Amino acid sequence: MSNQISPGVVLSLEGKIYRVESCVKVTVAKGVPFTKAKLRDLQSDELMEKNFKQGQSVQEVTLSERKMEFLYPEGKDYLFLDVGQLDQIPVPTSVIGDKADYLKEGIEVKATFYGNTVFSVELPQFLELMVVKTEPLESRSHVSNANKRGILESGAQIEVPAFVEPGDIVKVDTHINEYIQRV
């Protein structure tokens, strides 16, 4: 029921899965009270507002999280191994998005499932990856804190300090796409 909506609850509406980010119960002088909620689409990460009439039926859903290990890209999907159940699970490109830049064989991710459908994949915040190529510094290379573009073994491109060379292992923050340190 809509009067049980609260932040953190996960709902199914019109075939999509949403998490309630915030909600306010609204009472009006003349009319029926309702709940105004901000919902986050768990596939597209977009926010939307929706009003629920008091007593309106809503479908609450339960999501589960599982650890999965990346194996390899396969066609338009990415193949993962469910570490707990030892099943191979294809995850569509639409779910992976730009996180694919950090996928390399053996990386463990946290996957959110609704039934047997993967809704999201969360990378570890920090990964250690090898730099395979760097672009030369521009003419301003005498500046002490100059950065250059580095390409990592997973395909990600990040700014790295001038002293980082191909073959170096660097620690990267995958949430903000930034170099942290040379390992």
C-alpha atoms as a PDB file:
ATOM      1  CA  MET A   1       0.000   0.000   0.000  1.00  0.00           C
ATOM      2  CA  SER A   2       1.141   3.524  -0.761  1.00  0.00           C
ATOM      3  CA  ASN A   3       0.961   4.599   2.889  1.00  0.00           C
ATOM      4  CA  GLN A   4       3.882   2.213   3.606  1.00  0.00           C
ATOM      5  CA  ILE A   5       6.238   3.920   1.135  1.00  0.00           C
ATOM      6  CA  SER A   6       9.452   5.063   2.790  1.00  0.00           C
ATOM      7  CA  PRO A   7      13.007   5.908   1.664  1.00  0.00           C
ATOM      8  CA  GLY A   8      14.988   2.824   0.638  1.00  0.00           C
ATOM      9  CA  VAL A   9      11.955   0.749  -0.374  1.00  0.00           C
ATOM     10  CA  VAL A  10      12.205  -0.789  -3.858  1.00  0.00           C
ATOM     11  CA  LEU A  11       9.071  -0.769  -6.032  1.00  0.00           C
ATOM     12  CA  SER A  12       8.004  -2.190  -9.366  1.00  0.00           C
ATOM     13  CA  LEU A  13       6.005   0.306 -11.450  1.00  0.00           C
ATOM     14  CA  GLU A  14       5.012  -0.154 -15.083  1.00  0.00           C
ATOM     15  CA  GLY A  15       7.647  -2.836 -15.629  1.00  0.00           C
ATOM     16  CA  LYS A  16      10.523  -0.819 -14.152  1.00  0.00           C
ATOM     17  CA  ILE A  17      12.253  -1.079 -10.790  1.00  0.00           C
ATOM     18  CA  TYR A  18      12.593   2.064  -8.648  1.00  0.00           C
ATOM     19  CA  ARG A  19      14.124   2.842  -5.260  1.00  0.00           C
ATOM     20  CA  VAL A  20      12.339   5.452  -3.125  1.00  0.00           C
ATOM     21  CA  GLU A  21      14.865   8.236  -2.450  1.00  0.00           C
ATOM     22  CA  SER A  22      12.526  10.452  -0.414  1.00  0.00           C
ATOM     23  CA  CYS A  23       8.835  10.838   0.297  1.00  0.00           C
ATOM     24  CA  VAL A  24       6.483  13.299   1.940  1.00  0.00           C
ATOM     25  CA  LYS A  25       2.932  12.692   3.081  1.00  0.00           C
ATOM     26  CA  VAL A  26       0.733  15.571   1.869  1.00  0.00           C
ATOM     27  CA  THR A  27      -2.599  16.484   3.363  1.00  0.00           C
ATOM     28  CA  VAL A  28      -4.803  19.030   1.671  1.00  0.00           C
ATOM     29  CA  ALA A  29      -7.708  21.007   3.142  1.00  0.00           C
ATOM     30  CA  LYS A  30     -10.144  19.768   0.531  1.00  0.00           C
ATOM     31  CA  GLY A  31      -9.278  16.488  -1.060  1.00  0.00           C
ATOM     32  CA  VAL A  32      -7.628  13.157  -0.495  1.00  0.00           C
ATOM     33  CA  PRO A  33      -4.200  12.983   1.189  1.00  0.00           C
ATOM     34  CA  PHE A  34      -1.388  11.534  -0.922  1.00  0.00           C
ATOM     35  CA  THR A  35       2.295  10.648  -0.777  1.00  0.00           C
ATOM     36  CA  LYS A  36       4.746  12.530  -2.995  1.00  0.00           C
ATOM     37  CA  ALA A  37       7.848  10.418  -3.678  1.00  0.00           C
ATOM     38  CA  LYS A  38      11.156  10.858  -5.496  1.00  0.00           C
ATOM     39  CA  LEU A  39      12.014   7.595  -7.250  1.00  0.00           C
ATOM     40  CA  ARG A  40      15.307   6.481  -8.815  1.00  0.00           C
ATOM     41  CA  ASP A  41      15.101   4.165 -11.823  1.00  0.00           C
ATOM     42  CA  LEU A  42      17.610   1.434 -10.958  1.00  0.00           C
ATOM     43  CA  GLN A  43      18.453   0.750 -14.613  1.00  0.00           C
ATOM     44  CA  SER A  44      18.872   4.277 -15.992  1.00  0.00           C
ATOM     45  CA  ASP A  45      19.729   5.967 -12.639  1.00  0.00           C
ATOM     46  CA  GLU A  46      17.254   8.769 -13.496  1.00  0.00           C
ATOM     47  CA  LEU A  47      15.166  10.515 -10.838  1.00  0.00           C
ATOM     48  CA  MET A  48      11.433  11.106 -11.175  1.00  0.00           C
ATOM     49  CA  GLU A  49       8.629  12.313  -8.948  1.00  0.00           C
ATOM     50  CA  LYS A  50       5.387  10.411  -8.509  1.00  0.00           C
ATOM     51  CA  ASN A  51       2.287  10.956  -6.399  1.00  0.00           C
ATOM     52  CA  PHE A  52       0.544   8.004  -4.761  1.00  0.00           C
ATOM     53  CA  LYS A  53      -3.050   8.198  -3.540  1.00  0.00           C
ATOM     54  CA  GLN A  54      -3.604   7.057   0.023  1.00  0.00           C
ATOM     55  CA  GLY A  55      -4.317   3.329   0.008  1.00  0.00           C
ATOM     56  CA  GLN A  56      -3.103   2.904  -3.616  1.00  0.00           C
ATOM     57  CA  SER A  57      -1.693  -0.545  -4.241  1.00  0.00           C
ATOM     58  CA  VAL A  58       2.044  -0.671  -5.002  1.00  0.00           C
ATOM     59  CA  GLN A  59       4.258  -3.681  -5.601  1.00  0.00           C
ATOM     60  CA  GLU A  60       7.283  -3.802  -3.299  1.00  0.00           C
ATOM     61  CA  VAL A  61      10.133  -5.969  -4.587  1.00  0.00           C
ATOM     62  CA  THR A  62      13.179  -7.536  -2.997  1.00  0.00           C
ATOM     63  CA  LEU A  63      16.562  -7.224  -4.641  1.00  0.00           C
ATOM     64  CA  SER A  64      19.501  -9.500  -3.920  1.00  0.00           C
ATOM     65  CA  GLU A  65      23.214  -8.839  -4.237  1.00  0.00           C
ATOM     66  CA  ARG A  66      25.746 -11.385  -5.434  1.00  0.00           C
ATOM     67  CA  LYS A  67      29.472 -11.345  -6.052  1.00  0.00           C
ATOM     68  CA  MET A  68      30.421 -12.003  -9.639  1.00  0.00           C
ATOM     69  CA  GLU A  69      33.771 -12.289 -11.393  1.00  0.00           C
ATOM     70  CA  PHE A  70      34.274 -10.872 -14.879  1.00  0.00           C
ATOM     71  CA  LEU A  71      35.281 -13.492 -17.446  1.00  0.00           C
ATOM     72  CA  TYR A  72      35.201 -11.893 -20.923  1.00  0.00           C
ATOM     73  CA  PRO A  73      33.052  -9.960 -23.409  1.00  0.00           C
ATOM     74  CA  GLU A  74      30.794 -12.193 -25.493  1.00  0.00           C
ATOM     75  CA  GLY A  75      28.987 -10.601 -28.425  1.00  0.00           C
ATOM     76  CA  LYS A  76      26.922  -7.682 -27.096  1.00  0.00           C
ATOM     77  CA  ASP A  77      27.070  -9.011 -23.519  1.00  0.00           C
ATOM     78  CA  TYR A  78      29.696  -9.391 -20.813  1.00  0.00           C
ATOM     79  CA  LEU A  79      30.070 -12.841 -19.292  1.00  0.00           C
ATOM     80  CA  PHE A  80      30.430 -13.114 -15.510  1.00  0.00           C
ATOM     81  CA  LEU A  81      30.809 -16.039 -13.126  1.00  0.00           C
ATOM     82  CA  ASP A  82      28.424 -16.010 -10.154  1.00  0.00           C
ATOM     83  CA  VAL A  83      30.966 -16.771  -7.411  1.00  0.00           C
ATOM     84  CA  GLY A  84      28.388 -18.293  -5.019  1.00  0.00           C
ATOM     85  CA  GLN A  85      26.493 -20.477  -7.486  1.00  0.00           C
ATOM     86  CA  LEU A  86      29.257 -21.059 -10.079  1.00  0.00           C
ATOM     87  CA  ASP A  87      26.888 -20.144 -12.926  1.00  0.00           C
ATOM     88  CA  GLN A  88      27.948 -18.131 -15.967  1.00  0.00           C
ATOM     89  CA  ILE A  89      25.710 -15.088 -16.343  1.00  0.00           C
ATOM     90  CA  PRO A  90      25.604 -12.814 -19.411  1.00  0.00           C
ATOM     91  CA  VAL A  91      25.085  -9.140 -18.523  1.00  0.00           C
ATOM     92  CA  PRO A  92      23.899  -6.771 -21.281  1.00  0.00           C
ATOM     93  CA  THR A  93      26.005  -3.785 -22.339  1.00  0.00           C
ATOM     94  CA  SER A  94      23.148  -1.490 -21.269  1.00  0.00           C
ATOM     95  CA  VAL A  95      23.629  -2.595 -17.642  1.00  0.00           C
ATOM     96  CA  ILE A  96      27.437  -2.324 -17.705  1.00  0.00           C
ATOM     97  CA  GLY A  97      27.598   1.076 -19.435  1.00  0.00           C
ATOM     98  CA  ASP A  98      30.905   2.943 -19.152  1.00  0.00           C
ATOM     99  CA  LYS A  99      32.030   0.616 -16.342  1.00  0.00           C
ATOM    100  CA  ALA A 100      33.212  -1.633 -19.174  1.00  0.00           C
ATOM    101  CA  ASP A 101      36.320   0.583 -19.377  1.00  0.00           C
ATOM    102  CA  TYR A 102      37.532  -0.978 -16.112  1.00  0.00           C
ATOM    103  CA  LEU A 103      36.611  -4.610 -16.735  1.00  0.00           C
ATOM    104  CA  LYS A 104      39.442  -7.083 -17.013  1.00  0.00           C
ATOM    105  CA  GLU A 105      39.457 -10.813 -16.444  1.00  0.00           C
ATOM    106  CA  GLY A 106      39.175 -11.750 -12.771  1.00  0.00           C
ATOM    107  CA  ILE A 107      37.783  -8.468 -11.405  1.00  0.00           C
ATOM    108  CA  GLU A 108      35.059  -9.083  -8.809  1.00  0.00           C
ATOM    109  CA  VAL A 109      31.966  -6.894  -8.895  1.00  0.00           C
ATOM    110  CA  LYS A 110      28.812  -6.637  -6.809  1.00  0.00           C
ATOM    111  CA  ALA A 111      25.716  -7.318  -8.912  1.00  0.00           C
ATOM    112  CA  THR A 112      22.147  -6.438  -7.922  1.00  0.00           C
ATOM    113  CA  PHE A 113      19.505  -8.931  -9.052  1.00  0.00           C
ATOM    114  CA  TYR A 114      15.726  -8.872  -9.259  1.00  0.00           C
ATOM    115  CA  GLY A 115      14.870 -12.516  -9.709  1.00  0.00           C
ATOM    116  CA  ASN A 116      17.328 -13.723 -12.352  1.00  0.00           C
ATOM    117  CA  THR A 117      17.776 -10.305 -13.979  1.00  0.00           C
ATOM    118  CA  VAL A 118      20.900  -8.231 -13.271  1.00  0.00           C
ATOM    119  CA  PHE A 119      19.898  -4.600 -12.697  1.00  0.00           C
ATOM    120  CA  SER A 120      23.223  -3.067 -11.824  1.00  0.00           C
ATOM    121  CA  VAL A 121      26.889  -3.857 -11.452  1.00  0.00           C
ATOM    122  CA  GLU A 122      29.142  -2.053  -8.994  1.00  0.00           C
ATOM    123  CA  LEU A 123      32.905  -2.013  -9.505  1.00  0.00           C
ATOM    124  CA  PRO A 124      35.317  -2.004  -6.572  1.00  0.00           C
ATOM    125  CA  GLN A 125      36.141   1.624  -5.774  1.00  0.00           C
ATOM    126  CA  PHE A 126      39.879   1.081  -6.260  1.00  0.00           C
ATOM    127  CA  LEU A 127      41.605  -1.088  -8.874  1.00  0.00           C
ATOM    128  CA  GLU A 128      45.270  -1.603  -9.670  1.00  0.00           C
ATOM    129  CA  LEU A 129      45.815  -1.664 -13.431  1.00  0.00           C
ATOM    130  CA  MET A 130      48.811  -1.556 -15.755  1.00  0.00           C
ATOM    131  CA  VAL A 131      49.445   1.462 -17.952  1.00  0.00           C
ATOM    132  CA  VAL A 132      49.880   0.173 -21.524  1.00  0.00           C
ATOM    133  CA  LYS A 133      50.386   3.489 -23.299  1.00  0.00           C
ATOM    134  CA  THR A 134      50.892   7.153 -22.494  1.00  0.00           C
ATOM    135  CA  GLU A 135      50.617  10.144 -24.761  1.00  0.00           C
ATOM    136  CA  PRO A 136      53.615  12.473 -24.899  1.00  0.00           C
ATOM    137  CA  LEU A 137      53.511  15.646 -22.852  1.00  0.00           C
ATOM    138  CA  GLU A 138      52.850  18.889 -24.652  1.00  0.00           C
ATOM    139  CA  SER A 139      55.461  21.654 -24.871  1.00  0.00           C
ATOM    140  CA  ARG A 140      54.584  22.791 -21.355  1.00  0.00           C
ATOM    141  CA  SER A 141      56.256  19.639 -19.978  1.00  0.00           C
ATOM    142  CA  HIS A 142      58.583  21.685 -17.771  1.00  0.00           C
ATOM    143  CA  VAL A 143      55.643  22.380 -15.453  1.00  0.00           C
ATOM    144  CA  SER A 144      56.168  20.194 -12.363  1.00  0.00           C
ATOM    145  CA  ASN A 145      52.577  18.999 -12.014  1.00  0.00           C
ATOM    146  CA  ALA A 146      51.864  18.356 -15.702  1.00  0.00           C
ATOM    147  CA  ASN A 147      49.645  15.389 -16.513  1.00  0.00           C
ATOM    148  CA  LYS A 148      49.347  13.246 -19.610  1.00  0.00           C
ATOM    149  CA  ARG A 149      46.762  10.785 -20.858  1.00  0.00           C
ATOM    150  CA  GLY A 150      47.398   7.190 -19.897  1.00  0.00           C
ATOM    151  CA  ILE A 151      45.645   4.164 -21.380  1.00  0.00           C
ATOM    152  CA  LEU A 152      45.155   1.258 -18.972  1.00  0.00           C
ATOM    153  CA  GLU A 153      45.145  -2.459 -19.750  1.00  0.00           C
ATOM    154  CA  SER A 154      41.358  -2.513 -19.381  1.00  0.00           C
ATOM    155  CA  GLY A 155      40.946   0.218 -22.015  1.00  0.00           C
ATOM    156  CA  ALA A 156      40.162   3.077 -19.599  1.00  0.00           C
ATOM    157  CA  GLN A 157      41.819   6.429 -20.297  1.00  0.00           C
ATOM    158  CA  ILE A 158      42.786   8.624 -17.350  1.00  0.00           C
ATOM    159  CA  GLU A 159      45.095  11.551 -16.613  1.00  0.00           C
ATOM    160  CA  VAL A 160      48.373  10.393 -15.020  1.00  0.00           C
ATOM    161  CA  PRO A 161      51.400  12.344 -13.749  1.00  0.00           C
ATOM    162  CA  ALA A 162      54.315  12.943 -16.127  1.00  0.00           C
ATOM    163  CA  PHE A 163      56.525  10.331 -14.382  1.00  0.00           C
ATOM    164  CA  VAL A 164      54.118   7.422 -15.093  1.00  0.00           C
ATOM    165  CA  GLU A 165      55.327   5.239 -17.985  1.00  0.00           C
ATOM    166  CA  PRO A 166      53.930   2.216 -19.856  1.00  0.00           C
ATOM    167  CA  GLY A 167      54.366  -0.919 -17.745  1.00  0.00           C
ATOM    168  CA  ASP A 168      53.709   0.910 -14.448  1.00  0.00           C
ATOM    169  CA  ILE A 169      50.895  -0.338 -12.222  1.00  0.00           C
ATOM    170  CA  VAL A 170      48.630   2.461 -10.977  1.00  0.00           C
ATOM    171  CA  LYS A 171      45.839   2.594  -8.431  1.00  0.00           C
ATOM    172  CA  VAL A 172      42.671   4.137  -9.889  1.00  0.00           C
ATOM    173  CA  ASP A 173      39.459   5.356  -8.247  1.00  0.00           C
ATOM    174  CA  THR A 174      36.812   3.842 -10.558  1.00  0.00           C
ATOM    175  CA  HIS A 175      34.000   5.989  -9.134  1.00  0.00           C
ATOM    176  CA  ILE A 176      35.583   9.281 -10.223  1.00  0.00           C
ATOM    177  CA  ASN A 177      37.929   7.986 -12.975  1.00  0.00           C
ATOM    178  CA  GLU A 178      41.068   9.386 -11.358  1.00  0.00           C
ATOM    179  CA  TYR A 179      44.651   8.293 -10.797  1.00  0.00           C
ATOM    180  CA  ILE A 180      45.456   7.798  -7.095  1.00  0.00           C
ATOM    181  CA  GLN A 181      49.060   6.588  -7.005  1.00  0.00           C
ATOM    182  CA  ARG A 182      51.700   4.474  -8.683  1.00  0.00           C
ATOM    183  CA  VAL A 183      51.985   1.051  -7.043  1.00  0.00           C
END
